[in-house]
Amino acid sequence: MNAYVFPGQGAQFTGMGQELFENSYVAKAMFEEANEILGFAITDIMFGNDAEALKQTKVTQPAIFLHSVILAKVLGESFKPEMVAGHSLGEFSALVSANYLSFKDGLELVSKRAKAMQKACEQNPSTMAAILGLENKIIEEICSEIKEIVVPANYNCPGQLVISGSNKGIDIACEKLIEVGARRALRIPVSGAFHSPLMEIAHAELEQTIDQTNFSKGTCCIYQNVTANAVTNPDEIKENLKKQLTAPVLWTQSMQQMIADGLTSVTEVGPGKVLQGLFKKVDINIQTRSAIL
């Protein structure tokens, strides 16, 4: 079985999407529609050279979403997923590409999510750190012992878990995790503690928007971040999506479940090749490729 997977925040690069825009009438129309929906010319930032402007959460998230969703659309009849999944933000790209959400509704949700997350980051200065070379159980135990807010956030692959929390909590956790044998404990350049209780403000805002958004029956199952299980019921998908901002991304568990369910090949749709590398860490025999025009 072939899965199409969609990257999350961090995969952006200057000039992203320009080739799609210039080589496909379908892509050009979708980008122009996106500018209208968002109320500003996101294409100017995506196709430009200002890396700092692109790094703003309110820009980054819709930019990655657009690159992924428009590429999937341009693939046309060759885009035939038997299962889909997306890492954090990528889950929204997956839902649109598998027809659970319309392009307009998906983009509006992503834009709302990005703005709410940016606001939460400004109100609660916080960060994340990647912990390498340590068992999940040890990381979970140490996080639970720290009085500051610090929690497992992204289970990326075996031996790589990202933690999320207050600046002080992350500093304490990194120090303790190095002491017990972590190969590395590195702060990552993000604007806040995604997938942690510190995103509760954003979660409350997004929940209302999700409730008001129409979800349809999709074309294949989606493996969602908060459960790592295959889901097809639109109501269940909505409930899982509501929890996503404050719950950990169970990506390792999702990949393992997809493989258990018959996955043999993976196509990454959108900027970068990060997800392909993570699948290889779980099973070296999985065939991986990037979606191309």
C-alpha atoms as a PDB file:
ATOM      1  CA  MET A   1       0.000   0.000   0.000  1.00  0.00           C
ATOM      2  CA  ASN A   2       1.135   3.527  -0.780  1.00  0.00           C
ATOM      3  CA  ALA A   3       0.794   6.420   1.656  1.00  0.00           C
ATOM      4  CA  TYR A   4       1.015  10.102   0.882  1.00  0.00           C
ATOM      5  CA  VAL A   5       2.435  12.095   3.790  1.00  0.00           C
ATOM      6  CA  PHE A   6       2.574  15.842   4.364  1.00  0.00           C
ATOM      7  CA  PRO A   7       5.262  17.811   6.247  1.00  0.00           C
ATOM      8  CA  GLY A   8       4.781  20.300   9.050  1.00  0.00           C
ATOM      9  CA  GLN A   9       6.340  23.567  10.163  1.00  0.00           C
ATOM     10  CA  GLY A  10      10.080  23.782   9.568  1.00  0.00           C
ATOM     11  CA  ALA A  11      10.023  22.490   5.983  1.00  0.00           C
ATOM     12  CA  GLN A  12       9.681  25.974   4.451  1.00  0.00           C
ATOM     13  CA  PHE A  13      12.244  27.534   2.119  1.00  0.00           C
ATOM     14  CA  THR A  14      12.423  30.794   0.166  1.00  0.00           C
ATOM     15  CA  GLY A  15      11.067  30.458  -3.350  1.00  0.00           C
ATOM     16  CA  MET A  16       8.754  27.615  -2.352  1.00  0.00           C
ATOM     17  CA  GLY A  17       5.881  27.041  -4.740  1.00  0.00           C
ATOM     18  CA  GLN A  18       7.171  29.348  -7.484  1.00  0.00           C
ATOM     19  CA  GLU A  19       7.889  26.497  -9.885  1.00  0.00           C
ATOM     20  CA  LEU A  20       4.357  25.175  -9.381  1.00  0.00           C
ATOM     21  CA  PHE A  21       2.920  28.648 -10.012  1.00  0.00           C
ATOM     22  CA  GLU A  22       4.905  29.125 -13.214  1.00  0.00           C
ATOM     23  CA  ASN A  23       4.300  25.678 -14.692  1.00  0.00           C
ATOM     24  CA  SER A  24       0.649  24.921 -13.927  1.00  0.00           C
ATOM     25  CA  TYR A  25      -2.503  26.904 -14.665  1.00  0.00           C
ATOM     26  CA  VAL A  26      -4.257  24.935 -11.906  1.00  0.00           C
ATOM     27  CA  ALA A  27      -1.570  25.883  -9.385  1.00  0.00           C
ATOM     28  CA  LYS A  28      -1.583  29.531 -10.445  1.00  0.00           C
ATOM     29  CA  ALA A  29      -5.357  29.753  -9.974  1.00  0.00           C
ATOM     30  CA  MET A  30      -5.145  28.131  -6.529  1.00  0.00           C
ATOM     31  CA  PHE A  31      -2.350  30.442  -5.371  1.00  0.00           C
ATOM     32  CA  GLU A  32      -4.312  33.481  -6.551  1.00  0.00           C
ATOM     33  CA  GLU A  33      -7.409  32.193  -4.744  1.00  0.00           C
ATOM     34  CA  ALA A  34      -5.289  31.729  -1.612  1.00  0.00           C
ATOM     35  CA  ASN A  35      -4.152  35.385  -1.759  1.00  0.00           C
ATOM     36  CA  GLU A  36      -7.817  36.424  -1.817  1.00  0.00           C
ATOM     37  CA  ILE A  37      -8.832  34.094   1.025  1.00  0.00           C
ATOM     38  CA  LEU A  38      -5.949  35.212   3.249  1.00  0.00           C
ATOM     39  CA  GLY A  39      -6.340  38.903   2.448  1.00  0.00           C
ATOM     40  CA  PHE A  40      -2.663  39.404   1.602  1.00  0.00           C
ATOM     41  CA  ALA A  41      -0.273  38.251  -1.123  1.00  0.00           C
ATOM     42  CA  ILE A  42       1.342  35.255   0.547  1.00  0.00           C
ATOM     43  CA  THR A  43       2.858  34.379  -2.831  1.00  0.00           C
ATOM     44  CA  ASP A  44       5.067  37.516  -2.597  1.00  0.00           C
ATOM     45  CA  ILE A  45       6.590  36.122   0.616  1.00  0.00           C
ATOM     46  CA  MET A  46       6.756  32.499  -0.583  1.00  0.00           C
ATOM     47  CA  PHE A  47       8.430  33.361  -3.894  1.00  0.00           C
ATOM     48  CA  GLY A  48      10.648  36.077  -2.402  1.00  0.00           C
ATOM     49  CA  ASN A  49      13.998  36.002  -0.604  1.00  0.00           C
ATOM     50  CA  ASP A  50      13.003  37.204   2.890  1.00  0.00           C
ATOM     51  CA  ALA A  51      13.585  34.118   5.033  1.00  0.00           C
ATOM     52  CA  GLU A  52      12.631  35.996   8.219  1.00  0.00           C
ATOM     53  CA  ALA A  53       9.219  36.980   6.826  1.00  0.00           C
ATOM     54  CA  LEU A  54       8.626  33.358   5.846  1.00  0.00           C
ATOM     55  CA  LYS A  55       9.513  32.183   9.375  1.00  0.00           C
ATOM     56  CA  GLN A  56       6.562  33.991  10.974  1.00  0.00           C
ATOM     57  CA  THR A  57       4.145  31.298  12.146  1.00  0.00           C
ATOM     58  CA  LYS A  58       1.175  33.124  10.588  1.00  0.00           C
ATOM     59  CA  VAL A  59       2.976  32.916   7.202  1.00  0.00           C
ATOM     60  CA  THR A  60       4.896  29.645   7.531  1.00  0.00           C
ATOM     61  CA  GLN A  61       1.913  27.424   8.200  1.00  0.00           C
ATOM     62  CA  PRO A  62      -0.317  28.543   5.307  1.00  0.00           C
ATOM     63  CA  ALA A  63       2.755  28.591   3.023  1.00  0.00           C
ATOM     64  CA  ILE A  64       3.629  24.947   3.706  1.00  0.00           C
ATOM     65  CA  PHE A  65      -0.047  23.975   3.509  1.00  0.00           C
ATOM     66  CA  LEU A  66      -0.377  25.671   0.099  1.00  0.00           C
ATOM     67  CA  HIS A  67       2.787  24.097  -1.301  1.00  0.00           C
ATOM     68  CA  SER A  68       1.605  20.632  -0.251  1.00  0.00           C
ATOM     69  CA  VAL A  69      -2.070  20.840  -1.184  1.00  0.00           C
ATOM     70  CA  ILE A  70      -1.496  22.537  -4.543  1.00  0.00           C
ATOM     71  CA  LEU A  71       1.196  20.005  -5.464  1.00  0.00           C
ATOM     72  CA  ALA A  72      -1.215  17.159  -4.637  1.00  0.00           C
ATOM     73  CA  LYS A  73      -3.865  18.785  -6.835  1.00  0.00           C
ATOM     74  CA  VAL A  74      -1.440  19.293  -9.741  1.00  0.00           C
ATOM     75  CA  LEU A  75      -0.497  15.597  -9.608  1.00  0.00           C
ATOM     76  CA  GLY A  76      -4.031  14.934 -10.877  1.00  0.00           C
ATOM     77  CA  GLU A  77      -4.942  11.315 -11.529  1.00  0.00           C
ATOM     78  CA  SER A  78      -1.518  10.085 -10.422  1.00  0.00           C
ATOM     79  CA  PHE A  79      -2.412  11.159  -6.858  1.00  0.00           C
ATOM     80  CA  LYS A  80      -4.061   7.954  -5.615  1.00  0.00           C
ATOM     81  CA  PRO A  81      -3.416   7.541  -1.883  1.00  0.00           C
ATOM     82  CA  GLU A  82      -4.496   4.386  -0.074  1.00  0.00           C
ATOM     83  CA  MET A  83      -3.720   6.113   3.217  1.00  0.00           C
ATOM     84  CA  VAL A  84      -2.604   9.615   4.233  1.00  0.00           C
ATOM     85  CA  ALA A  85      -0.987  11.272   7.245  1.00  0.00           C
ATOM     86  CA  GLY A  86       0.522  14.635   8.075  1.00  0.00           C
ATOM     87  CA  HIS A  87       2.957  15.788  10.744  1.00  0.00           C
ATOM     88  CA  SER A  88       1.249  18.429  12.923  1.00  0.00           C
ATOM     89  CA  LEU A  89       0.304  21.191  10.431  1.00  0.00           C
ATOM     90  CA  GLY A  90       0.628  18.536   7.700  1.00  0.00           C
ATOM     91  CA  GLU A  91      -2.492  16.839   9.008  1.00  0.00           C
ATOM     92  CA  PHE A  92      -4.550  19.722   7.567  1.00  0.00           C
ATOM     93  CA  SER A  93      -2.838  19.297   4.186  1.00  0.00           C
ATOM     94  CA  ALA A  94      -3.629  15.573   4.312  1.00  0.00           C
ATOM     95  CA  LEU A  95      -7.296  16.224   5.142  1.00  0.00           C
ATOM     96  CA  VAL A  96      -7.741  18.582   2.172  1.00  0.00           C
ATOM     97  CA  SER A  97      -5.848  16.319  -0.225  1.00  0.00           C
ATOM     98  CA  ALA A  98      -7.986  13.328   0.800  1.00  0.00           C
ATOM     99  CA  ASN A  99     -11.176  15.414   0.359  1.00  0.00           C
ATOM    100  CA  TYR A 100     -12.244  15.596   4.003  1.00  0.00           C
ATOM    101  CA  LEU A 101     -11.992  19.399   3.781  1.00  0.00           C
ATOM    102  CA  SER A 102     -12.394  21.877   0.928  1.00  0.00           C
ATOM    103  CA  PHE A 103      -9.371  23.931  -0.117  1.00  0.00           C
ATOM    104  CA  LYS A 104     -10.979  27.151   1.167  1.00  0.00           C
ATOM    105  CA  ASP A 105     -12.050  25.684   4.517  1.00  0.00           C
ATOM    106  CA  GLY A 106      -8.673  24.034   5.005  1.00  0.00           C
ATOM    107  CA  LEU A 107      -6.753  27.225   4.290  1.00  0.00           C
ATOM    108  CA  GLU A 108      -8.995  29.282   6.578  1.00  0.00           C
ATOM    109  CA  LEU A 109      -8.507  26.736   9.373  1.00  0.00           C
ATOM    110  CA  VAL A 110      -4.736  26.732   8.918  1.00  0.00           C
ATOM    111  CA  SER A 111      -4.625  30.537   8.908  1.00  0.00           C
ATOM    112  CA  LYS A 112      -6.727  30.684  12.077  1.00  0.00           C
ATOM    113  CA  ARG A 113      -4.527  28.039  13.702  1.00  0.00           C
ATOM    114  CA  ALA A 114      -1.325  29.896  12.794  1.00  0.00           C
ATOM    115  CA  LYS A 115      -2.556  33.238  14.142  1.00  0.00           C
ATOM    116  CA  ALA A 116      -3.858  31.639  17.350  1.00  0.00           C
ATOM    117  CA  MET A 117      -0.562  29.820  17.892  1.00  0.00           C
ATOM    118  CA  GLN A 118       1.447  32.990  17.289  1.00  0.00           C
ATOM    119  CA  LYS A 119      -0.705  34.812  19.848  1.00  0.00           C
ATOM    120  CA  ALA A 120      -0.218  32.000  22.384  1.00  0.00           C
ATOM    121  CA  CYS A 121       3.547  32.151  21.821  1.00  0.00           C
ATOM    122  CA  GLU A 122       3.583  35.901  22.462  1.00  0.00           C
ATOM    123  CA  GLN A 123       1.575  35.516  25.678  1.00  0.00           C
ATOM    124  CA  ASN A 124       3.609  32.565  26.987  1.00  0.00           C
ATOM    125  CA  PRO A 125       7.307  32.751  26.047  1.00  0.00           C
ATOM    126  CA  SER A 126       8.325  29.128  25.637  1.00  0.00           C
ATOM    127  CA  THR A 127      10.272  26.758  23.417  1.00  0.00           C
ATOM    128  CA  MET A 128      11.014  23.182  22.324  1.00  0.00           C
ATOM    129  CA  ALA A 129      14.072  20.912  22.308  1.00  0.00           C
ATOM    130  CA  ALA A 130      15.028  17.776  20.377  1.00  0.00           C
ATOM    131  CA  ILE A 131      16.266  14.894  22.527  1.00  0.00           C
ATOM    132  CA  LEU A 132      18.376  12.325  20.679  1.00  0.00           C
ATOM    133  CA  GLY A 133      19.512   8.848  21.664  1.00  0.00           C
ATOM    134  CA  LEU A 134      17.308   8.175  24.666  1.00  0.00           C
ATOM    135  CA  GLU A 135      14.338   5.868  25.241  1.00  0.00           C
ATOM    136  CA  ASN A 136      10.932   7.559  25.235  1.00  0.00           C
ATOM    137  CA  LYS A 137      10.108   6.162  28.680  1.00  0.00           C
ATOM    138  CA  ILE A 138      13.108   7.863  30.303  1.00  0.00           C
ATOM    139  CA  ILE A 139      12.267  11.215  28.686  1.00  0.00           C
ATOM    140  CA  GLU A 140       8.620  10.903  29.766  1.00  0.00           C
ATOM    141  CA  GLU A 141       9.612  10.125  33.371  1.00  0.00           C
ATOM    142  CA  ILE A 142      12.044  13.029  33.671  1.00  0.00           C
ATOM    143  CA  CYS A 143       9.549  15.498  32.158  1.00  0.00           C
ATOM    144  CA  SER A 144       6.898  14.361  34.654  1.00  0.00           C
ATOM    145  CA  GLU A 145       9.261  15.014  37.580  1.00  0.00           C
ATOM    146  CA  ILE A 146       9.949  18.650  36.652  1.00  0.00           C
ATOM    147  CA  LYS A 147       7.717  21.237  38.342  1.00  0.00           C
ATOM    148  CA  GLU A 148       7.832  23.602  35.366  1.00  0.00           C
ATOM    149  CA  ILE A 149       5.655  22.860  32.309  1.00  0.00           C
ATOM    150  CA  VAL A 150       7.603  20.460  30.077  1.00  0.00           C
ATOM    151  CA  VAL A 151       6.066  17.581  28.117  1.00  0.00           C
ATOM    152  CA  PRO A 152       6.845  15.191  25.228  1.00  0.00           C
ATOM    153  CA  ALA A 153       5.561  16.916  22.082  1.00  0.00           C
ATOM    154  CA  ASN A 154       6.742  15.147  18.896  1.00  0.00           C
ATOM    155  CA  TYR A 155       7.536  11.426  18.802  1.00  0.00           C
ATOM    156  CA  ASN A 156       9.422  11.765  15.519  1.00  0.00           C
ATOM    157  CA  CYS A 157      11.158   8.389  15.225  1.00  0.00           C
ATOM    158  CA  PRO A 158      12.880   5.871  17.516  1.00  0.00           C
ATOM    159  CA  GLY A 159      15.620   7.759  19.347  1.00  0.00           C
ATOM    160  CA  GLN A 160      14.261  11.231  18.509  1.00  0.00           C
ATOM    161  CA  LEU A 161      11.667  12.897  20.717  1.00  0.00           C
ATOM    162  CA  VAL A 162      10.961  16.637  20.852  1.00  0.00           C
ATOM    163  CA  ILE A 163       9.926  18.117  24.200  1.00  0.00           C
ATOM    164  CA  SER A 164       7.936  21.311  24.663  1.00  0.00           C
ATOM    165  CA  GLY A 165       7.483  23.705  27.574  1.00  0.00           C
ATOM    166  CA  SER A 166       8.463  26.875  29.411  1.00  0.00           C
ATOM    167  CA  ASN A 167      11.951  28.214  28.783  1.00  0.00           C
ATOM    168  CA  LYS A 168      13.016  27.301  32.319  1.00  0.00           C
ATOM    169  CA  GLY A 169      11.400  23.851  32.085  1.00  0.00           C
ATOM    170  CA  ILE A 170      13.207  23.059  28.831  1.00  0.00           C
ATOM    171  CA  ASP A 171      16.554  24.181  30.288  1.00  0.00           C
ATOM    172  CA  ILE A 172      16.107  21.934  33.337  1.00  0.00           C
ATOM    173  CA  ALA A 173      14.945  18.985  31.224  1.00  0.00           C
ATOM    174  CA  CYS A 174      17.847  19.260  28.758  1.00  0.00           C
ATOM    175  CA  GLU A 175      20.365  19.283  31.600  1.00  0.00           C
ATOM    176  CA  LYS A 176      18.794  16.274  33.311  1.00  0.00           C
ATOM    177  CA  LEU A 177      18.434  14.307  30.068  1.00  0.00           C
ATOM    178  CA  ILE A 178      22.099  14.801  29.160  1.00  0.00           C
ATOM    179  CA  GLU A 179      23.000  13.580  32.653  1.00  0.00           C
ATOM    180  CA  VAL A 180      21.069  10.322  32.140  1.00  0.00           C
ATOM    181  CA  GLY A 181      22.605   9.588  28.746  1.00  0.00           C
ATOM    182  CA  ALA A 182      20.928  11.590  25.971  1.00  0.00           C
ATOM    183  CA  ARG A 183      23.306  11.874  23.012  1.00  0.00           C
ATOM    184  CA  ARG A 184      22.114  15.424  22.407  1.00  0.00           C
ATOM    185  CA  ALA A 185      19.519  17.821  23.841  1.00  0.00           C
ATOM    186  CA  LEU A 186      19.134  20.778  21.498  1.00  0.00           C
ATOM    187  CA  ARG A 187      16.813  23.729  21.647  1.00  0.00           C
ATOM    188  CA  ILE A 188      15.145  24.151  18.270  1.00  0.00           C
ATOM    189  CA  PRO A 189      14.395  27.545  16.656  1.00  0.00           C
ATOM    190  CA  VAL A 190      10.629  27.791  17.162  1.00  0.00           C
ATOM    191  CA  SER A 191       8.554  30.630  18.559  1.00  0.00           C
ATOM    192  CA  GLY A 192       6.809  28.639  21.296  1.00  0.00           C
ATOM    193  CA  ALA A 193       5.863  25.392  23.007  1.00  0.00           C
ATOM    194  CA  PHE A 194       3.741  23.690  20.357  1.00  0.00           C
ATOM    195  CA  HIS A 195       1.780  20.571  21.345  1.00  0.00           C
ATOM    196  CA  SER A 196       1.839  21.428  25.037  1.00  0.00           C
ATOM    197  CA  PRO A 197      -0.555  22.897  27.641  1.00  0.00           C
ATOM    198  CA  LEU A 198       0.928  26.308  26.799  1.00  0.00           C
ATOM    199  CA  MET A 199      -1.096  26.186  23.551  1.00  0.00           C
ATOM    200  CA  GLU A 200      -4.407  26.047  25.452  1.00  0.00           C
ATOM    201  CA  ILE A 201      -5.343  29.611  24.408  1.00  0.00           C
ATOM    202  CA  ALA A 202      -4.892  28.711  20.746  1.00  0.00           C
ATOM    203  CA  HIS A 203      -6.708  25.399  21.263  1.00  0.00           C
ATOM    204  CA  ALA A 204      -9.810  27.174  22.618  1.00  0.00           C
ATOM    205  CA  GLU A 205      -9.893  29.540  19.631  1.00  0.00           C
ATOM    206  CA  LEU A 206      -9.383  26.790  17.062  1.00  0.00           C
ATOM    207  CA  GLU A 207     -11.954  24.449  18.615  1.00  0.00           C
ATOM    208  CA  GLN A 208     -14.789  26.852  17.843  1.00  0.00           C
ATOM    209  CA  THR A 209     -13.655  27.251  14.225  1.00  0.00           C
ATOM    210  CA  ILE A 210     -13.397  23.464  13.744  1.00  0.00           C
ATOM    211  CA  ASP A 211     -16.946  23.053  15.080  1.00  0.00           C
ATOM    212  CA  GLN A 212     -18.206  25.530  12.483  1.00  0.00           C
ATOM    213  CA  THR A 213     -16.338  23.898   9.580  1.00  0.00           C
ATOM    214  CA  ASN A 214     -17.901  21.313   7.281  1.00  0.00           C
ATOM    215  CA  PHE A 215     -16.051  17.989   7.067  1.00  0.00           C
ATOM    216  CA  SER A 216     -16.956  15.439   4.365  1.00  0.00           C
ATOM    217  CA  LYS A 217     -16.293  11.743   3.851  1.00  0.00           C
ATOM    218  CA  GLY A 218     -12.785  11.390   2.447  1.00  0.00           C
ATOM    219  CA  THR A 219     -11.302   9.172  -0.249  1.00  0.00           C
ATOM    220  CA  CYS A 220      -9.084   7.098   2.090  1.00  0.00           C
ATOM    221  CA  CYS A 221      -8.212   6.733   5.771  1.00  0.00           C
ATOM    222  CA  ILE A 222      -6.056   9.264   7.621  1.00  0.00           C
ATOM    223  CA  TYR A 223      -3.698   8.341  10.458  1.00  0.00           C
ATOM    224  CA  GLN A 224      -4.155  11.158  12.952  1.00  0.00           C
ATOM    225  CA  ASN A 225      -1.491  12.602  15.218  1.00  0.00           C
ATOM    226  CA  VAL A 226      -3.330  12.250  18.514  1.00  0.00           C
ATOM    227  CA  THR A 227      -4.267   8.566  18.137  1.00  0.00           C
ATOM    228  CA  ALA A 228      -1.842   7.127  15.532  1.00  0.00           C
ATOM    229  CA  ASN A 229      -4.797   5.123  14.216  1.00  0.00           C
ATOM    230  CA  ALA A 230      -6.579   5.063  10.855  1.00  0.00           C
ATOM    231  CA  VAL A 231      -9.739   7.182  10.907  1.00  0.00           C
ATOM    232  CA  THR A 232     -12.441   7.762   8.291  1.00  0.00           C
ATOM    233  CA  ASN A 233     -15.358   9.130  10.348  1.00  0.00           C
ATOM    234  CA  PRO A 234     -15.569  12.934   9.856  1.00  0.00           C
ATOM    235  CA  ASP A 235     -16.941  13.525  13.370  1.00  0.00           C
ATOM    236  CA  GLU A 236     -14.099  11.537  14.920  1.00  0.00           C
ATOM    237  CA  ILE A 237     -11.586  13.402  12.760  1.00  0.00           C
ATOM    238  CA  LYS A 238     -12.941  16.741  14.029  1.00  0.00           C
ATOM    239  CA  GLU A 239     -12.644  15.683  17.669  1.00  0.00           C
ATOM    240  CA  ASN A 240      -9.066  14.477  17.165  1.00  0.00           C
ATOM    241  CA  LEU A 241      -8.178  17.692  15.362  1.00  0.00           C
ATOM    242  CA  LYS A 242      -9.425  19.756  18.310  1.00  0.00           C
ATOM    243  CA  LYS A 243      -6.987  17.961  20.629  1.00  0.00           C
ATOM    244  CA  GLN A 244      -4.010  18.248  18.293  1.00  0.00           C
ATOM    245  CA  LEU A 245      -2.611  21.596  19.459  1.00  0.00           C
ATOM    246  CA  THR A 246      -2.126  20.555  23.086  1.00  0.00           C
ATOM    247  CA  ALA A 247      -1.508  16.812  22.565  1.00  0.00           C
ATOM    248  CA  PRO A 248       1.729  15.160  21.423  1.00  0.00           C
ATOM    249  CA  VAL A 249       2.282  14.237  17.768  1.00  0.00           C
ATOM    250  CA  LEU A 250       2.454  10.430  17.764  1.00  0.00           C
ATOM    251  CA  TRP A 251       4.383  10.244  14.499  1.00  0.00           C
ATOM    252  CA  THR A 252       6.561   7.233  15.401  1.00  0.00           C
ATOM    253  CA  GLN A 253       3.452   5.349  16.460  1.00  0.00           C
ATOM    254  CA  SER A 254       1.600   6.437  13.297  1.00  0.00           C
ATOM    255  CA  MET A 255       4.401   5.167  11.050  1.00  0.00           C
ATOM    256  CA  GLN A 256       4.540   1.860  12.939  1.00  0.00           C
ATOM    257  CA  GLN A 257       0.762   1.454  12.644  1.00  0.00           C
ATOM    258  CA  MET A 258       0.762   2.246   8.923  1.00  0.00           C
ATOM    259  CA  ILE A 259       3.454  -0.377   8.357  1.00  0.00           C
ATOM    260  CA  ALA A 260       1.482  -2.894  10.443  1.00  0.00           C
ATOM    261  CA  ASP A 261      -1.552  -2.119   8.249  1.00  0.00           C
ATOM    262  CA  GLY A 262       0.319  -2.960   5.029  1.00  0.00           C
ATOM    263  CA  LEU A 263       2.283   0.154   4.063  1.00  0.00           C
ATOM    264  CA  THR A 264       5.062  -0.571   1.550  1.00  0.00           C
ATOM    265  CA  SER A 265       5.841   2.841   0.004  1.00  0.00           C
ATOM    266  CA  VAL A 266       5.658   6.499   1.008  1.00  0.00           C
ATOM    267  CA  THR A 267       5.340   9.624  -1.135  1.00  0.00           C
ATOM    268  CA  GLU A 268       6.099  12.924   0.613  1.00  0.00           C
ATOM    269  CA  VAL A 269       4.006  15.810  -0.743  1.00  0.00           C
ATOM    270  CA  GLY A 270       5.357  19.281  -0.048  1.00  0.00           C
ATOM    271  CA  PRO A 271       8.646  20.945   0.819  1.00  0.00           C
ATOM    272  CA  GLY A 272      11.560  18.867   2.096  1.00  0.00           C
ATOM    273  CA  LYS A 273      12.312  15.195   2.671  1.00  0.00           C
ATOM    274  CA  VAL A 274      12.181  14.994   6.474  1.00  0.00           C
ATOM    275  CA  LEU A 275       9.303  12.527   6.692  1.00  0.00           C
ATOM    276  CA  GLN A 276      10.972  10.124   4.256  1.00  0.00           C
ATOM    277  CA  GLY A 277      13.996  10.005   6.529  1.00  0.00           C
ATOM    278  CA  LEU A 278      11.823   9.294   9.562  1.00  0.00           C
ATOM    279  CA  PHE A 279      10.138   6.351   7.815  1.00  0.00           C
ATOM    280  CA  LYS A 280      13.565   4.914   6.969  1.00  0.00           C
ATOM    281  CA  LYS A 281      14.447   5.072  10.684  1.00  0.00           C
ATOM    282  CA  VAL A 282      11.456   2.823  11.407  1.00  0.00           C
ATOM    283  CA  ASP A 283      11.879   0.417   8.462  1.00  0.00           C
ATOM    284  CA  ILE A 284      14.816   0.665   6.053  1.00  0.00           C
ATOM    285  CA  ASN A 285      12.883  -1.388   3.473  1.00  0.00           C
ATOM    286  CA  ILE A 286      10.091   1.154   3.043  1.00  0.00           C
ATOM    287  CA  GLN A 287      10.272   2.752  -0.420  1.00  0.00           C
ATOM    288  CA  THR A 288      10.229   6.540  -0.200  1.00  0.00           C
ATOM    289  CA  ARG A 289      10.066   9.344  -2.772  1.00  0.00           C
ATOM    290  CA  SER A 290       9.149  12.980  -3.163  1.00  0.00           C
ATOM    291  CA  ALA A 291       6.100  14.020  -5.172  1.00  0.00           C
ATOM    292  CA  ILE A 292       7.212  15.924  -8.271  1.00  0.00           C
ATOM    293  CA  LEU A 293       5.448  17.659 -11.155  1.00  0.00           C
END
